[in-house]
PDB file of all heavy atoms in Angstrom:
ATOM      1  N   LYS A   1     -31.299  58.526 -19.371  1.00  0.00           N
ATOM      2  CA  LYS A   1     -30.138  57.717 -19.978  1.00  0.00           C
ATOM      3  C   LYS A   1     -29.857  56.474 -19.131  1.00  0.00           C
ATOM      4  O   LYS A   1     -29.705  56.470 -17.927  1.00  0.00           O
ATOM      5  CB  LYS A   1     -28.843  58.646 -19.927  1.00  0.00           C
ATOM      6  CG  LYS A   1     -27.853  58.035 -20.867  1.00  0.00           C
ATOM      7  CD  LYS A   1     -26.682  59.036 -21.156  1.00  0.00           C
ATOM      8  CE  LYS A   1     -25.659  58.492 -22.139  1.00  0.00           C
ATOM      9  NZ  LYS A   1     -24.597  59.485 -22.442  1.00  0.00           N
ATOM     10  N   TYR A   2     -29.800  55.404 -19.956  1.00  0.00           N
ATOM     11  CA  TYR A   2     -29.522  54.041 -19.412  1.00  0.00           C
ATOM     12  C   TYR A   2     -30.608  53.422 -18.564  1.00  0.00           C
ATOM     13  O   TYR A   2     -30.509  52.387 -17.889  1.00  0.00           O
ATOM     14  CB  TYR A   2     -28.192  53.993 -18.656  1.00  0.00           C
ATOM     15  CG  TYR A   2     -27.007  54.402 -19.564  1.00  0.00           C
ATOM     16  CD1 TYR A   2     -26.160  55.317 -19.051  1.00  0.00           C
ATOM     17  CD2 TYR A   2     -26.827  53.834 -20.782  1.00  0.00           C
ATOM     18  CE1 TYR A   2     -25.036  55.714 -19.775  1.00  0.00           C
ATOM     19  CE2 TYR A   2     -25.805  54.240 -21.618  1.00  0.00           C
ATOM     20  CZ  TYR A   2     -24.842  55.172 -21.099  1.00  0.00           C
ATOM     21  OH  TYR A   2     -23.839  55.615 -21.906  1.00  0.00           O
ATOM     22  N   ILE A   3     -31.796  54.116 -18.504  1.00  0.00           N
ATOM     23  CA  ILE A   3     -32.954  53.633 -17.767  1.00  0.00           C
ATOM     24  C   ILE A   3     -34.040  53.341 -18.836  1.00  0.00           C
ATOM     25  O   ILE A   3     -34.518  54.265 -19.491  1.00  0.00           O
ATOM     26  CB  ILE A   3     -33.457  54.573 -16.724  1.00  0.00           C
ATOM     27  CG1 ILE A   3     -32.339  54.946 -15.660  1.00  0.00           C
ATOM     28  CG2 ILE A   3     -34.653  53.969 -16.038  1.00  0.00           C
ATOM     29  CD1 ILE A   3     -31.793  53.735 -14.951  1.00  0.00           C
ATOM     30  N   PHE A   4     -34.474  52.124 -18.973  1.00  0.00           N
ATOM     31  CA  PHE A   4     -35.416  51.719 -20.045  1.00  0.00           C
ATOM     32  C   PHE A   4     -36.746  51.250 -19.537  1.00  0.00           C
ATOM     33  O   PHE A   4     -36.835  50.196 -18.981  1.00  0.00           O
ATOM     34  CB  PHE A   4     -34.761  50.639 -20.925  1.00  0.00           C
ATOM     35  CG  PHE A   4     -33.391  51.066 -21.432  1.00  0.00           C
ATOM     36  CD1 PHE A   4     -32.255  50.696 -20.811  1.00  0.00           C
ATOM     37  CD2 PHE A   4     -33.304  51.832 -22.576  1.00  0.00           C
ATOM     38  CE1 PHE A   4     -31.010  51.112 -21.198  1.00  0.00           C
ATOM     39  CE2 PHE A   4     -32.035  52.260 -23.016  1.00  0.00           C
ATOM     40  CZ  PHE A   4     -30.910  51.931 -22.370  1.00  0.00           C
ATOM     41  N   ASP A   5     -37.770  52.093 -19.729  1.00  0.00           N
ATOM     42  CA  ASP A   5     -39.088  51.829 -19.251  1.00  0.00           C
ATOM     43  C   ASP A   5     -39.900  50.957 -20.295  1.00  0.00           C
ATOM     44  O   ASP A   5     -40.874  50.306 -19.928  1.00  0.00           O
ATOM     45  CB  ASP A   5     -39.831  53.062 -18.964  1.00  0.00           C
ATOM     46  CG  ASP A   5     -39.248  53.864 -17.840  1.00  0.00           C
ATOM     47  OD1 ASP A   5     -38.672  53.269 -16.909  1.00  0.00           O
ATOM     48  OD2 ASP A   5     -39.291  55.143 -17.885  1.00  0.00           O
ATOM     49  N   PHE A   6     -39.413  51.065 -21.580  1.00  0.00           N
ATOM     50  CA  PHE A   6     -40.177  50.390 -22.641  1.00  0.00           C
ATOM     51  C   PHE A   6     -39.179  49.671 -23.577  1.00  0.00           C
ATOM     52  O   PHE A   6     -37.925  49.906 -23.550  1.00  0.00           O
ATOM     53  CB  PHE A   6     -40.889  51.384 -23.517  1.00  0.00           C
ATOM     54  CG  PHE A   6     -41.735  52.401 -22.799  1.00  0.00           C
ATOM     55  CD1 PHE A   6     -41.376  53.725 -22.810  1.00  0.00           C
ATOM     56  CD2 PHE A   6     -42.838  52.011 -22.062  1.00  0.00           C
ATOM     57  CE1 PHE A   6     -42.052  54.726 -22.127  1.00  0.00           C
ATOM     58  CE2 PHE A   6     -43.600  52.946 -21.372  1.00  0.00           C
ATOM     59  CZ  PHE A   6     -43.212  54.294 -21.444  1.00  0.00           C
ATOM     60  N   LYS A   7     -39.701  48.613 -24.242  1.00  0.00           N
ATOM     61  CA  LYS A   7     -38.905  48.031 -25.332  1.00  0.00           C
ATOM     62  C   LYS A   7     -39.045  48.837 -26.607  1.00  0.00           C
ATOM     63  O   LYS A   7     -39.991  48.723 -27.271  1.00  0.00           O
ATOM     64  CB  LYS A   7     -39.397  46.523 -25.497  1.00  0.00           C
ATOM     65  CG  LYS A   7     -39.180  45.619 -24.334  1.00  0.00           C
ATOM     66  CD  LYS A   7     -39.819  44.280 -24.586  1.00  0.00           C
ATOM     67  CE  LYS A   7     -39.754  43.348 -23.434  1.00  0.00           C
ATOM     68  NZ  LYS A   7     -40.408  42.060 -23.633  1.00  0.00           N
ATOM     69  N   GLY A   8     -38.098  49.696 -26.787  1.00  0.00           N
ATOM     70  CA  GLY A   8     -38.263  50.750 -27.811  1.00  0.00           C
ATOM     71  C   GLY A   8     -37.441  50.460 -29.023  1.00  0.00           C
ATOM     72  O   GLY A   8     -36.947  49.387 -29.290  1.00  0.00           O
ATOM     73  N   LEU A   9     -37.350  51.494 -29.839  1.00  0.00           N
ATOM     74  CA  LEU A   9     -36.595  51.491 -31.070  1.00  0.00           C
ATOM     75  C   LEU A   9     -35.576  52.527 -31.032  1.00  0.00           C
ATOM     76  O   LEU A   9     -35.499  53.394 -30.222  1.00  0.00           O
ATOM     77  CB  LEU A   9     -37.518  51.733 -32.332  1.00  0.00           C
ATOM     78  CG  LEU A   9     -38.769  51.088 -32.411  1.00  0.00           C
ATOM     79  CD1 LEU A   9     -39.607  51.660 -33.596  1.00  0.00           C
ATOM     80  CD2 LEU A   9     -38.578  49.589 -32.702  1.00  0.00           C
ATOM     81  N   ASN A  10     -34.591  52.505 -32.050  1.00  0.00           N
ATOM     82  CA  ASN A  10     -33.685  53.571 -32.288  1.00  0.00           C
ATOM     83  C   ASN A  10     -34.133  54.312 -33.461  1.00  0.00           C
ATOM     84  O   ASN A  10     -33.930  53.993 -34.565  1.00  0.00           O
ATOM     85  CB  ASN A  10     -32.282  53.064 -32.530  1.00  0.00           C
ATOM     86  CG  ASN A  10     -31.297  54.216 -32.880  1.00  0.00           C
ATOM     87  OD1 ASN A  10     -31.563  55.316 -32.706  1.00  0.00           O
ATOM     88  ND2 ASN A  10     -30.136  53.813 -33.403  1.00  0.00           N
ATOM     89  N   SER A  11     -34.992  55.434 -33.242  1.00  0.00           N
ATOM     90  CA  SER A  11     -35.588  56.127 -34.288  1.00  0.00           C
ATOM     91  C   SER A  11     -35.650  57.655 -33.889  1.00  0.00           C
ATOM     92  O   SER A  11     -36.572  58.080 -33.284  1.00  0.00           O
ATOM     93  CB  SER A  11     -36.973  55.623 -34.512  1.00  0.00           C
ATOM     94  OG  SER A  11     -37.597  56.256 -35.667  1.00  0.00           O
ATOM     95  N   ARG A  12     -34.588  58.335 -34.318  1.00  0.00           N
ATOM     96  CA  ARG A  12     -34.478  59.670 -33.959  1.00  0.00           C
ATOM     97  C   ARG A  12     -33.977  60.538 -35.202  1.00  0.00           C
ATOM     98  O   ARG A  12     -33.194  60.061 -36.040  1.00  0.00           O
ATOM     99  CB  ARG A  12     -33.391  59.943 -32.779  1.00  0.00           C
ATOM    100  CG  ARG A  12     -33.771  59.152 -31.548  1.00  0.00           C
ATOM    101  CD  ARG A  12     -32.572  59.079 -30.557  1.00  0.00           C
ATOM    102  NE  ARG A  12     -31.407  58.409 -31.163  1.00  0.00           N
ATOM    103  CZ  ARG A  12     -30.419  57.918 -30.429  1.00  0.00           C
ATOM    104  NH1 ARG A  12     -30.417  58.067 -29.165  1.00  0.00           N
ATOM    105  NH2 ARG A  12     -29.406  57.375 -31.037  1.00  0.00           N
ATOM    106  N   ILE A  13     -34.617  61.716 -35.334  1.00  0.00           N
ATOM    107  CA  ILE A  13     -34.199  62.581 -36.460  1.00  0.00           C
ATOM    108  C   ILE A  13     -32.733  63.103 -36.049  1.00  0.00           C
ATOM    109  O   ILE A  13     -32.474  63.299 -34.871  1.00  0.00           O
ATOM    110  CB  ILE A  13     -35.165  63.723 -36.661  1.00  0.00           C
ATOM    111  CG1 ILE A  13     -34.928  64.440 -37.962  1.00  0.00           C
ATOM    112  CG2 ILE A  13     -35.151  64.682 -35.445  1.00  0.00           C
ATOM    113  CD1 ILE A  13     -36.003  65.477 -38.296  1.00  0.00           C
ATOM    114  N   ASP A  14     -31.896  63.273 -37.020  1.00  0.00           N
ATOM    115  CA  ASP A  14     -30.499  63.698 -36.705  1.00  0.00           C
ATOM    116  C   ASP A  14     -30.469  65.195 -36.912  1.00  0.00           C
ATOM    117  O   ASP A  14     -31.324  65.832 -37.621  1.00  0.00           O
ATOM    118  CB  ASP A  14     -29.441  63.036 -37.441  1.00  0.00           C
ATOM    119  CG  ASP A  14     -29.447  63.213 -38.941  1.00  0.00           C
ATOM    120  OD1 ASP A  14     -29.286  64.385 -39.387  1.00  0.00           O
ATOM    121  OD2 ASP A  14     -29.754  62.310 -39.698  1.00  0.00           O
ATOM    122  N   GLU A  15     -29.434  65.845 -36.357  1.00  0.00           N
ATOM    123  CA  GLU A  15     -29.260  67.337 -36.366  1.00  0.00           C
ATOM    124  C   GLU A  15     -29.144  67.830 -37.761  1.00  0.00           C
ATOM    125  O   GLU A  15     -29.643  68.891 -38.096  1.00  0.00           O
ATOM    126  CB  GLU A  15     -28.095  67.728 -35.525  1.00  0.00           C
ATOM    127  CG  GLU A  15     -28.211  67.539 -34.013  1.00  0.00           C
ATOM    128  CD  GLU A  15     -29.177  68.573 -33.421  1.00  0.00           C
ATOM    129  OE1 GLU A  15     -28.692  69.730 -33.188  1.00  0.00           O
ATOM    130  OE2 GLU A  15     -30.325  68.262 -33.266  1.00  0.00           O
ATOM    131  N   LEU A  16     -28.457  67.072 -38.674  1.00  0.00           N
ATOM    132  CA  LEU A  16     -28.294  67.601 -40.034  1.00  0.00           C
ATOM    133  C   LEU A  16     -29.609  67.706 -40.821  1.00  0.00           C
ATOM    134  O   LEU A  16     -29.971  68.650 -41.427  1.00  0.00           O
ATOM    135  CB  LEU A  16     -27.361  66.707 -40.829  1.00  0.00           C
ATOM    136  CG  LEU A  16     -25.850  66.818 -40.427  1.00  0.00           C
ATOM    137  CD1 LEU A  16     -25.052  65.624 -41.143  1.00  0.00           C
ATOM    138  CD2 LEU A  16     -25.297  68.175 -40.907  1.00  0.00           C
ATOM    139  N   GLN A  17     -30.462  66.576 -40.593  1.00  0.00           N
ATOM    140  CA  GLN A  17     -31.746  66.646 -41.291  1.00  0.00           C
ATOM    141  C   GLN A  17     -32.625  67.628 -40.760  1.00  0.00           C
ATOM    142  O   GLN A  17     -33.393  68.357 -41.447  1.00  0.00           O
ATOM    143  CB  GLN A  17     -32.448  65.238 -41.273  1.00  0.00           C
ATOM    144  CG  GLN A  17     -31.555  64.110 -41.836  1.00  0.00           C
ATOM    145  CD  GLN A  17     -31.216  64.374 -43.348  1.00  0.00           C
ATOM    146  OE1 GLN A  17     -31.932  65.142 -44.019  1.00  0.00           O
ATOM    147  NE2 GLN A  17     -30.210  63.707 -43.804  1.00  0.00           N
ATOM    148  N   ALA A  18     -32.647  67.822 -39.365  1.00  0.00           N
ATOM    149  CA  ALA A  18     -33.466  68.843 -38.746  1.00  0.00           C
ATOM    150  C   ALA A  18     -33.080  70.249 -39.267  1.00  0.00           C
ATOM    151  O   ALA A  18     -33.923  71.109 -39.537  1.00  0.00           O
ATOM    152  CB  ALA A  18     -33.263  68.781 -37.237  1.00  0.00           C
ATOM    153  N   ALA A  19     -31.752  70.488 -39.431  1.00  0.00           N
ATOM    154  CA  ALA A  19     -31.349  71.775 -39.906  1.00  0.00           C
ATOM    155  C   ALA A  19     -31.794  72.078 -41.319  1.00  0.00           C
ATOM    156  O   ALA A  19     -32.189  73.067 -41.646  1.00  0.00           O
ATOM    157  CB  ALA A  19     -29.787  71.880 -39.812  1.00  0.00           C
ATOM    158  N   ILE A  20     -31.718  71.067 -42.155  1.00  0.00           N
ATOM    159  CA  ILE A  20     -32.183  71.162 -43.513  1.00  0.00           C
ATOM    160  C   ILE A  20     -33.673  71.474 -43.569  1.00  0.00           C
ATOM    161  O   ILE A  20     -34.148  72.306 -44.267  1.00  0.00           O
ATOM    162  CB  ILE A  20     -31.854  69.888 -44.324  1.00  0.00           C
ATOM    163  CG1 ILE A  20     -30.281  69.705 -44.470  1.00  0.00           C
ATOM    164  CG2 ILE A  20     -32.522  69.875 -45.687  1.00  0.00           C
ATOM    165  CD1 ILE A  20     -29.609  70.720 -45.185  1.00  0.00           C
ATOM    166  N   LEU A  21     -34.410  70.668 -42.817  1.00  0.00           N
ATOM    167  CA  LEU A  21     -35.840  70.858 -42.757  1.00  0.00           C
ATOM    168  C   LEU A  21     -36.398  72.143 -42.171  1.00  0.00           C
ATOM    169  O   LEU A  21     -37.325  72.764 -42.678  1.00  0.00           O
ATOM    170  CB  LEU A  21     -36.501  69.684 -41.921  1.00  0.00           C
ATOM    171  CG  LEU A  21     -36.447  68.378 -42.615  1.00  0.00           C
ATOM    172  CD1 LEU A  21     -36.770  67.244 -41.606  1.00  0.00           C
ATOM    173  CD2 LEU A  21     -37.400  68.214 -43.770  1.00  0.00           C
ATOM    174  N   ASN A  22     -35.529  72.802 -41.323  1.00  0.00           N
ATOM    175  CA  ASN A  22     -35.802  74.057 -40.855  1.00  0.00           C
ATOM    176  C   ASN A  22     -35.840  75.129 -41.976  1.00  0.00           C
ATOM    177  O   ASN A  22     -36.565  76.053 -42.054  1.00  0.00           O
ATOM    178  CB  ASN A  22     -34.899  74.487 -39.740  1.00  0.00           C
ATOM    179  CG  ASN A  22     -35.388  74.270 -38.443  1.00  0.00           C
ATOM    180  OD1 ASN A  22     -36.544  74.442 -38.121  1.00  0.00           O
ATOM    181  ND2 ASN A  22     -34.521  73.792 -37.394  1.00  0.00           N
ATOM    182  N   ILE A  23     -34.868  74.901 -42.921  1.00  0.00           N
ATOM    183  CA  ILE A  23     -34.776  75.847 -44.024  1.00  0.00           C
ATOM    184  C   ILE A  23     -35.928  75.585 -45.012  1.00  0.00           C
ATOM    185  O   ILE A  23     -36.613  76.551 -45.487  1.00  0.00           O
ATOM    186  CB  ILE A  23     -33.429  75.591 -44.751  1.00  0.00           C
ATOM    187  CG1 ILE A  23     -32.227  75.989 -43.822  1.00  0.00           C
ATOM    188  CG2 ILE A  23     -33.385  76.389 -46.047  1.00  0.00           C
ATOM    189  CD1 ILE A  23     -30.868  75.585 -44.292  1.00  0.00           C
ATOM    190  N   LYS A  24     -36.215  74.384 -45.326  1.00  0.00           N
ATOM    191  CA  LYS A  24     -37.194  73.980 -46.323  1.00  0.00           C
ATOM    192  C   LYS A  24     -38.640  74.334 -45.872  1.00  0.00           C
ATOM    193  O   LYS A  24     -39.541  74.587 -46.700  1.00  0.00           O
ATOM    194  CB  LYS A  24     -37.011  72.604 -46.791  1.00  0.00           C
ATOM    195  CG  LYS A  24     -35.681  72.267 -47.424  1.00  0.00           C
ATOM    196  CD  LYS A  24     -35.629  70.910 -47.973  1.00  0.00           C
ATOM    197  CE  LYS A  24     -36.345  70.784 -49.312  1.00  0.00           C
ATOM    198  NZ  LYS A  24     -36.126  69.498 -50.009  1.00  0.00           N
ATOM    199  N   LEU A  25     -38.840  74.256 -44.599  1.00  0.00           N
ATOM    200  CA  LEU A  25     -40.203  74.545 -44.012  1.00  0.00           C
ATOM    201  C   LEU A  25     -40.674  75.933 -44.394  1.00  0.00           C
ATOM    202  O   LEU A  25     -41.929  76.119 -44.614  1.00  0.00           O
ATOM    203  CB  LEU A  25     -40.170  74.348 -42.489  1.00  0.00           C
ATOM    204  CG  LEU A  25     -41.504  74.510 -41.740  1.00  0.00           C
ATOM    205  CD1 LEU A  25     -42.451  73.494 -42.277  1.00  0.00           C
ATOM    206  CD2 LEU A  25     -41.272  74.337 -40.257  1.00  0.00           C
ATOM    207  N   LYS A  26     -39.760  76.841 -44.574  1.00  0.00           N
ATOM    208  CA  LYS A  26     -40.111  78.240 -44.865  1.00  0.00           C
ATOM    209  C   LYS A  26     -40.763  78.303 -46.269  1.00  0.00           C
ATOM    210  O   LYS A  26     -41.423  79.359 -46.631  1.00  0.00           O
ATOM    211  CB  LYS A  26     -38.857  79.178 -44.813  1.00  0.00           C
ATOM    212  CG  LYS A  26     -38.378  79.202 -43.412  1.00  0.00           C
ATOM    213  CD  LYS A  26     -36.910  79.890 -43.359  1.00  0.00           C
ATOM    214  CE  LYS A  26     -36.322  79.791 -42.032  1.00  0.00           C
ATOM    215  NZ  LYS A  26     -34.939  80.429 -42.007  1.00  0.00           N
ATOM    216  N   LEU A  27     -40.472  77.407 -47.175  1.00  0.00           N
ATOM    217  CA  LEU A  27     -40.868  77.418 -48.535  1.00  0.00           C
ATOM    218  C   LEU A  27     -42.132  76.593 -48.813  1.00  0.00           C
ATOM    219  O   LEU A  27     -42.716  76.581 -49.896  1.00  0.00           O
ATOM    220  CB  LEU A  27     -39.769  76.924 -49.496  1.00  0.00           C
ATOM    221  CG  LEU A  27     -38.504  77.733 -49.513  1.00  0.00           C
ATOM    222  CD1 LEU A  27     -37.415  77.047 -50.373  1.00  0.00           C
ATOM    223  CD2 LEU A  27     -38.773  79.099 -50.085  1.00  0.00           C
ATOM    224  N   ILE A  28     -42.638  75.847 -47.847  1.00  0.00           N
ATOM    225  CA  ILE A  28     -43.606  74.770 -48.107  1.00  0.00           C
ATOM    226  C   ILE A  28     -44.907  75.334 -48.640  1.00  0.00           C
ATOM    227  O   ILE A  28     -45.452  74.758 -49.620  1.00  0.00           O
ATOM    228  CB  ILE A  28     -43.837  73.849 -46.874  1.00  0.00           C
ATOM    229  CG1 ILE A  28     -44.706  72.657 -47.170  1.00  0.00           C
ATOM    230  CG2 ILE A  28     -44.404  74.665 -45.687  1.00  0.00           C
ATOM    231  CD1 ILE A  28     -44.207  71.741 -48.130  1.00  0.00           C
ATOM    232  N   ASP A  29     -45.395  76.426 -48.120  1.00  0.00           N
ATOM    233  CA  ASP A  29     -46.716  76.981 -48.485  1.00  0.00           C
ATOM    234  C   ASP A  29     -46.525  77.503 -49.971  1.00  0.00           C
ATOM    235  O   ASP A  29     -47.452  77.257 -50.835  1.00  0.00           O
ATOM    236  CB  ASP A  29     -47.147  78.087 -47.689  1.00  0.00           C
ATOM    237  CG  ASP A  29     -47.747  77.484 -46.346  1.00  0.00           C
ATOM    238  OD1 ASP A  29     -48.317  76.386 -46.426  1.00  0.00           O
ATOM    239  OD2 ASP A  29     -47.739  78.237 -45.333  1.00  0.00           O
ATOM    240  N   SER A  30     -45.532  78.124 -50.329  1.00  0.00           N
ATOM    241  CA  SER A  30     -45.360  78.726 -51.689  1.00  0.00           C
ATOM    242  C   SER A  30     -45.088  77.565 -52.603  1.00  0.00           C
ATOM    243  O   SER A  30     -45.595  77.556 -53.820  1.00  0.00           O
ATOM    244  CB  SER A  30     -44.201  79.715 -51.754  1.00  0.00           C
ATOM    245  OG  SER A  30     -42.990  79.154 -51.329  1.00  0.00           O
ATOM    246  N   ASP A  31     -44.358  76.490 -52.233  1.00  0.00           N
ATOM    247  CA  ASP A  31     -44.141  75.349 -53.100  1.00  0.00           C
ATOM    248  C   ASP A  31     -45.457  74.637 -53.319  1.00  0.00           C
ATOM    249  O   ASP A  31     -45.692  74.205 -54.485  1.00  0.00           O
ATOM    250  CB  ASP A  31     -43.166  74.399 -52.377  1.00  0.00           C
ATOM    251  CG  ASP A  31     -41.699  74.803 -52.577  1.00  0.00           C
ATOM    252  OD1 ASP A  31     -41.423  75.830 -53.259  1.00  0.00           O
ATOM    253  OD2 ASP A  31     -40.850  74.126 -52.041  1.00  0.00           O
ATOM    254  N   ASN A  32     -46.245  74.472 -52.319  1.00  0.00           N
ATOM    255  CA  ASN A  32     -47.574  73.862 -52.438  1.00  0.00           C
ATOM    256  C   ASN A  32     -48.528  74.696 -53.432  1.00  0.00           C
ATOM    257  O   ASN A  32     -49.218  74.128 -54.181  1.00  0.00           O
ATOM    258  CB  ASN A  32     -48.186  73.616 -51.143  1.00  0.00           C
ATOM    259  CG  ASN A  32     -47.610  72.511 -50.326  1.00  0.00           C
ATOM    260  OD1 ASN A  32     -46.924  71.660 -50.862  1.00  0.00           O
ATOM    261  ND2 ASN A  32     -47.800  72.476 -49.023  1.00  0.00           N
ATOM    262  N   GLN A  33     -48.425  75.959 -53.341  1.00  0.00           N
ATOM    263  CA  GLN A  33     -49.172  76.765 -54.270  1.00  0.00           C
ATOM    264  C   GLN A  33     -48.768  76.607 -55.720  1.00  0.00           C
ATOM    265  O   GLN A  33     -49.616  76.515 -56.518  1.00  0.00           O
ATOM    266  CB  GLN A  33     -49.099  78.272 -53.847  1.00  0.00           C
ATOM    267  CG  GLN A  33     -49.998  79.173 -54.637  1.00  0.00           C
ATOM    268  CD  GLN A  33     -51.427  78.701 -54.569  1.00  0.00           C
ATOM    269  OE1 GLN A  33     -51.986  78.300 -53.495  1.00  0.00           O
ATOM    270  NE2 GLN A  33     -52.218  78.898 -55.607  1.00  0.00           N
TER     271      GLN A  33
END
């Protein structure tokens, strides 16, 4: 925190999307079938 080794971006998945994706990941194989 507050130490910057690179010229980066602000690009992070948020907790809400991660929680949703955790649920949907369980269906991906059957959905693909």
